[in-house]
């Protein structure tokens, strides 16, 4: 059983409108590499030009933030779910 990568709604237009993709991957980095190889348009939304995960992209493995694990080197096992959560900014105060 492979690892499932959940693709957030704002990024689905760059991933063939798919909500998820599955890959046989041993680490989060491998899974993201497979994802951005299959859907090349996603790469610029997830990674900087020098190949680092963008600061506003949060990645979780089974609800655990990889920033507190081994980052892209976080190991995965069959059946794990990787979730990509882009940070959302904006809004304003409600008083006028």
N, C-alpha and C. Protein backbone atom coordinates (compact mmCIF):
# COMPACT_ATOMS: atom_id res chain seq x y z
N UNK A 1 0.85 -1.18 0.00
CA UNK A 1 0.00 0.00 0.00
C UNK A 1 0.89 1.24 0.00
N UNK A 2 0.66 2.16 -0.91
CA UNK A 2 1.50 3.36 -1.01
C UNK A 2 1.13 4.45 -0.01
N UNK A 3 1.86 5.54 -0.08
CA UNK A 3 1.61 6.74 0.71
C UNK A 3 0.63 7.61 -0.09
N UNK A 4 -0.34 8.20 0.60
CA UNK A 4 -1.31 9.07 -0.06
C UNK A 4 -0.94 10.52 0.21
N UNK A 5 -0.86 11.33 -0.84
CA UNK A 5 -0.58 12.75 -0.71
C UNK A 5 -1.87 13.51 -1.01
N UNK A 6 -2.35 14.25 -0.02
CA UNK A 6 -3.57 15.04 -0.17
C UNK A 6 -3.20 16.40 -0.78
N UNK A 7 -3.91 16.78 -1.83
CA UNK A 7 -3.63 18.02 -2.54
C UNK A 7 -4.72 19.02 -2.18
N UNK A 8 -4.35 20.18 -1.62
CA UNK A 8 -5.37 21.15 -1.20
C UNK A 8 -6.09 21.76 -2.41
N UNK A 9 -7.30 22.18 -2.18
CA UNK A 9 -8.14 22.74 -3.25
C UNK A 9 -7.45 23.83 -4.07
N UNK A 10 -6.76 24.81 -3.45
CA UNK A 10 -6.14 25.86 -4.27
C UNK A 10 -5.05 25.35 -5.23
N UNK A 11 -4.47 24.18 -4.94
CA UNK A 11 -3.40 23.65 -5.80
C UNK A 11 -3.89 22.61 -6.79
N UNK A 12 -5.12 22.20 -6.70
CA UNK A 12 -5.64 21.15 -7.60
C UNK A 12 -5.61 21.53 -9.08
N UNK A 13 -5.80 22.79 -9.45
CA UNK A 13 -5.69 23.12 -10.89
C UNK A 13 -4.32 22.78 -11.47
N UNK A 14 -3.29 22.71 -10.62
CA UNK A 14 -1.93 22.41 -11.07
C UNK A 14 -1.62 20.92 -10.97
N UNK A 15 -2.60 20.14 -10.53
CA UNK A 15 -2.42 18.69 -10.35
C UNK A 15 -3.53 17.91 -11.04
N UNK A 16 -3.91 18.39 -12.21
CA UNK A 16 -4.95 17.68 -12.96
C UNK A 16 -6.28 17.62 -12.23
N UNK A 17 -6.52 18.59 -11.35
CA UNK A 17 -7.75 18.70 -10.56
C UNK A 17 -7.96 17.52 -9.61
N UNK A 18 -6.88 16.82 -9.30
CA UNK A 18 -6.95 15.67 -8.39
C UNK A 18 -6.89 16.12 -6.94
N UNK A 19 -7.61 15.42 -6.08
CA UNK A 19 -7.62 15.71 -4.65
C UNK A 19 -6.48 14.99 -3.93
N UNK A 20 -5.97 13.93 -4.56
CA UNK A 20 -4.88 13.17 -3.94
C UNK A 20 -4.12 12.40 -5.00
N UNK A 21 -2.96 11.92 -4.60
CA UNK A 21 -2.14 11.06 -5.46
C UNK A 21 -1.44 10.07 -4.54
N UNK A 22 -1.12 8.90 -5.07
CA UNK A 22 -0.45 7.87 -4.26
C UNK A 22 0.87 7.48 -4.89
N UNK A 23 1.86 7.30 -4.02
CA UNK A 23 3.20 6.96 -4.47
C UNK A 23 3.83 5.99 -3.47
N UNK A 24 4.74 5.16 -3.95
CA UNK A 24 5.57 4.35 -3.08
C UNK A 24 6.78 5.20 -2.73
N UNK A 25 6.81 5.72 -1.51
CA UNK A 25 7.87 6.64 -1.10
C UNK A 25 8.30 6.33 0.32
N UNK A 26 9.60 6.43 0.58
CA UNK A 26 10.13 6.15 1.90
C UNK A 26 10.24 7.37 2.79
N UNK A 27 10.16 8.56 2.17
CA UNK A 27 10.22 9.81 2.93
C UNK A 27 9.22 10.81 2.35
N UNK A 28 8.95 11.85 3.12
CA UNK A 28 8.09 12.92 2.64
C UNK A 28 8.70 13.56 1.40
N UNK A 29 10.01 13.80 1.44
CA UNK A 29 10.69 14.40 0.30
C UNK A 29 10.53 13.60 -0.97
N UNK A 30 10.65 12.28 -0.86
CA UNK A 30 10.45 11.41 -2.03
C UNK A 30 9.04 11.55 -2.57
N UNK A 31 8.06 11.54 -1.69
CA UNK A 31 6.67 11.66 -2.12
C UNK A 31 6.43 12.99 -2.82
N UNK A 32 6.98 14.07 -2.27
CA UNK A 32 6.81 15.38 -2.89
C UNK A 32 7.55 15.46 -4.22
N UNK A 33 8.68 14.79 -4.33
CA UNK A 33 9.41 14.73 -5.61
C UNK A 33 8.58 14.00 -6.65
N UNK A 34 8.01 12.86 -6.28
CA UNK A 34 7.16 12.12 -7.21
C UNK A 34 5.96 12.98 -7.62
N UNK A 35 5.36 13.68 -6.66
CA UNK A 35 4.20 14.51 -6.93
C UNK A 35 4.56 15.62 -7.93
N UNK A 36 5.67 16.30 -7.70
CA UNK A 36 6.03 17.42 -8.57
C UNK A 36 6.66 16.95 -9.89
N UNK A 37 7.04 15.69 -9.96
CA UNK A 37 7.48 15.13 -11.24
C UNK A 37 6.25 14.80 -12.09
N UNK A 38 5.25 14.23 -11.45
CA UNK A 38 4.02 13.90 -12.16
C UNK A 38 3.23 15.15 -12.55
N UNK A 39 3.26 16.15 -11.67
CA UNK A 39 2.54 17.40 -11.90
C UNK A 39 3.53 18.55 -11.78
N UNK A 40 4.26 18.79 -12.85
CA UNK A 40 5.36 19.76 -12.84
C UNK A 40 4.91 21.17 -12.45
N UNK A 41 3.68 21.54 -12.79
CA UNK A 41 3.20 22.89 -12.46
C UNK A 41 3.10 23.13 -10.96
N UNK A 42 3.04 22.06 -10.18
CA UNK A 42 2.97 22.19 -8.72
C UNK A 42 4.29 22.65 -8.10
N UNK A 43 5.37 22.31 -8.76
CA UNK A 43 6.70 22.54 -8.18
C UNK A 43 6.89 23.99 -7.72
N UNK A 44 6.55 24.96 -8.57
CA UNK A 44 6.77 26.37 -8.22
C UNK A 44 5.89 26.82 -7.06
N UNK A 45 4.82 26.12 -6.80
CA UNK A 45 3.93 26.48 -5.70
C UNK A 45 4.39 25.85 -4.37
N UNK A 46 5.17 24.78 -4.45
CA UNK A 46 5.62 24.10 -3.24
C UNK A 46 7.07 24.39 -2.87
N UNK A 47 7.91 24.63 -3.89
CA UNK A 47 9.35 24.77 -3.65
C UNK A 47 9.89 26.09 -4.19
N UNK A 48 10.94 26.59 -3.53
CA UNK A 48 11.64 27.76 -4.02
C UNK A 48 12.51 27.35 -5.21
N UNK A 49 13.11 28.33 -5.87
CA UNK A 49 13.97 28.02 -7.02
C UNK A 49 15.17 27.17 -6.63
N UNK A 50 15.62 27.27 -5.38
CA UNK A 50 16.76 26.47 -4.95
C UNK A 50 16.34 25.14 -4.32
N UNK A 51 15.07 24.77 -4.51
CA UNK A 51 14.62 23.43 -4.10
C UNK A 51 14.18 23.28 -2.67
N UNK A 52 14.03 24.36 -1.94
CA UNK A 52 13.58 24.28 -0.54
C UNK A 52 12.07 24.43 -0.48
N UNK A 53 11.46 23.71 0.45
CA UNK A 53 10.02 23.82 0.64
C UNK A 53 9.70 25.26 1.02
N UNK A 54 8.72 25.85 0.38
CA UNK A 54 8.36 27.25 0.66
C UNK A 54 7.91 27.39 2.11
N UNK A 55 8.22 28.53 2.71
CA UNK A 55 7.94 28.74 4.14
C UNK A 55 6.45 28.75 4.45
N UNK A 56 5.61 29.10 3.48
CA UNK A 56 4.18 29.15 3.74
C UNK A 56 3.47 27.83 3.45
N UNK A 57 4.23 26.80 3.08
CA UNK A 57 3.65 25.48 2.83
C UNK A 57 3.92 24.60 4.04
N UNK A 58 2.85 24.16 4.67
CA UNK A 58 2.96 23.26 5.83
C UNK A 58 2.65 21.85 5.36
N UNK A 59 3.45 20.90 5.83
CA UNK A 59 3.27 19.51 5.43
C UNK A 59 3.14 18.67 6.68
N UNK A 60 2.17 17.78 6.66
CA UNK A 60 1.89 16.91 7.79
C UNK A 60 1.91 15.45 7.34
N UNK A 61 2.39 14.59 8.21
CA UNK A 61 2.27 13.15 8.00
C UNK A 61 1.38 12.64 9.12
N UNK A 62 0.23 12.12 8.75
CA UNK A 62 -0.73 11.63 9.74
C UNK A 62 -0.95 12.65 10.86
N UNK A 63 -1.18 13.88 10.50
CA UNK A 63 -1.48 14.97 11.43
C UNK A 63 -0.28 15.46 12.24
N UNK A 64 0.93 15.03 11.91
CA UNK A 64 2.13 15.52 12.60
C UNK A 64 2.90 16.44 11.66
N UNK A 65 3.19 17.64 12.13
CA UNK A 65 3.90 18.64 11.34
C UNK A 65 5.35 18.19 11.14
N UNK A 66 5.78 18.10 9.87
CA UNK A 66 7.13 17.60 9.60
C UNK A 66 8.21 18.56 10.08
N UNK A 67 7.86 19.84 10.35
CA UNK A 67 8.85 20.79 10.88
C UNK A 67 9.35 20.34 12.25
N UNK A 68 8.54 19.57 12.96
CA UNK A 68 8.93 19.09 14.29
C UNK A 68 9.42 17.65 14.25
N UNK A 69 9.51 17.10 13.06
CA UNK A 69 10.04 15.74 12.88
C UNK A 69 11.37 15.89 12.16
N UNK A 70 11.54 15.22 11.05
CA UNK A 70 12.80 15.31 10.29
C UNK A 70 12.63 16.08 8.99
N UNK A 71 11.65 16.99 8.97
CA UNK A 71 11.34 17.80 7.79
C UNK A 71 11.12 16.89 6.58
N UNK A 72 11.71 17.22 5.42
CA UNK A 72 11.49 16.38 4.23
C UNK A 72 12.07 14.98 4.37
N UNK A 73 12.96 14.79 5.32
CA UNK A 73 13.54 13.46 5.55
C UNK A 73 12.67 12.59 6.46
N UNK A 74 11.51 13.09 6.85
CA UNK A 74 10.60 12.31 7.69
C UNK A 74 10.23 11.03 6.98
N UNK A 75 10.44 9.93 7.65
CA UNK A 75 10.15 8.61 7.06
C UNK A 75 8.64 8.40 6.93
N UNK A 76 8.28 7.70 5.88
CA UNK A 76 6.88 7.32 5.67
C UNK A 76 6.79 5.81 5.55
N UNK A 77 5.60 5.32 5.82
CA UNK A 77 5.36 3.88 5.66
C UNK A 77 4.05 3.69 4.91
N UNK A 78 3.85 2.51 4.40
CA UNK A 78 2.63 2.22 3.65
C UNK A 78 1.40 2.62 4.44
N UNK A 79 0.50 3.31 3.77
CA UNK A 79 -0.75 3.72 4.40
C UNK A 79 -0.72 5.09 5.03
N UNK A 80 0.46 5.72 5.12
CA UNK A 80 0.53 7.07 5.68
C UNK A 80 -0.17 8.07 4.75
N UNK A 81 -0.64 9.15 5.35
CA UNK A 81 -1.24 10.24 4.59
C UNK A 81 -0.42 11.49 4.80
N UNK A 82 0.01 12.08 3.70
CA UNK A 82 0.74 13.34 3.71
C UNK A 82 -0.24 14.43 3.29
N UNK A 83 -0.37 15.45 4.11
CA UNK A 83 -1.26 16.57 3.80
C UNK A 83 -0.44 17.82 3.56
N UNK A 84 -0.74 18.51 2.47
CA UNK A 84 -0.11 19.78 2.14
C UNK A 84 -1.10 20.87 2.50
N UNK A 85 -0.69 21.77 3.40
CA UNK A 85 -1.58 22.82 3.86
C UNK A 85 -0.91 24.17 3.61
N UNK A 86 -1.32 24.91 2.59
CA UNK A 86 -0.73 26.23 2.39
C UNK A 86 -1.27 27.20 3.44
N UNK A 87 -0.39 28.05 3.95
CA UNK A 87 -0.82 29.08 4.91
C UNK A 87 -1.71 30.07 4.19
N UNK A 88 -2.69 30.55 4.90
CA UNK A 88 -3.61 31.54 4.33
C UNK A 88 -3.49 32.81 5.15
N UNK A 89 -3.25 33.91 4.46
CA UNK A 89 -3.11 35.20 5.13
C UNK A 89 -4.20 36.13 4.61
N UNK A 90 -4.42 37.16 5.35
CA UNK A 90 -5.39 38.14 4.90
C UNK A 90 -6.47 38.38 5.91
N UNK A 91 -7.50 39.01 5.47
CA UNK A 91 -8.60 39.33 6.38
C UNK A 91 -8.33 40.67 7.03
N UNK A 92 -9.27 41.09 7.74
CA UNK A 92 -9.11 42.37 8.41
C UNK A 92 -9.99 42.41 9.65
N UNK A 93 -9.84 43.45 10.35
CA UNK A 93 -10.62 43.62 11.57
C UNK A 93 -12.08 43.91 11.22
N UNK A 94 -12.95 43.52 12.05
CA UNK A 94 -14.40 43.61 11.77
C UNK A 94 -14.99 44.96 12.17
N UNK A 95 -14.28 45.83 12.81
CA UNK A 95 -14.85 47.12 13.19
C UNK A 95 -14.67 48.13 12.06
N UNK A 96 -15.67 48.97 11.92
CA UNK A 96 -15.60 50.00 10.87
C UNK A 96 -15.97 51.32 11.44
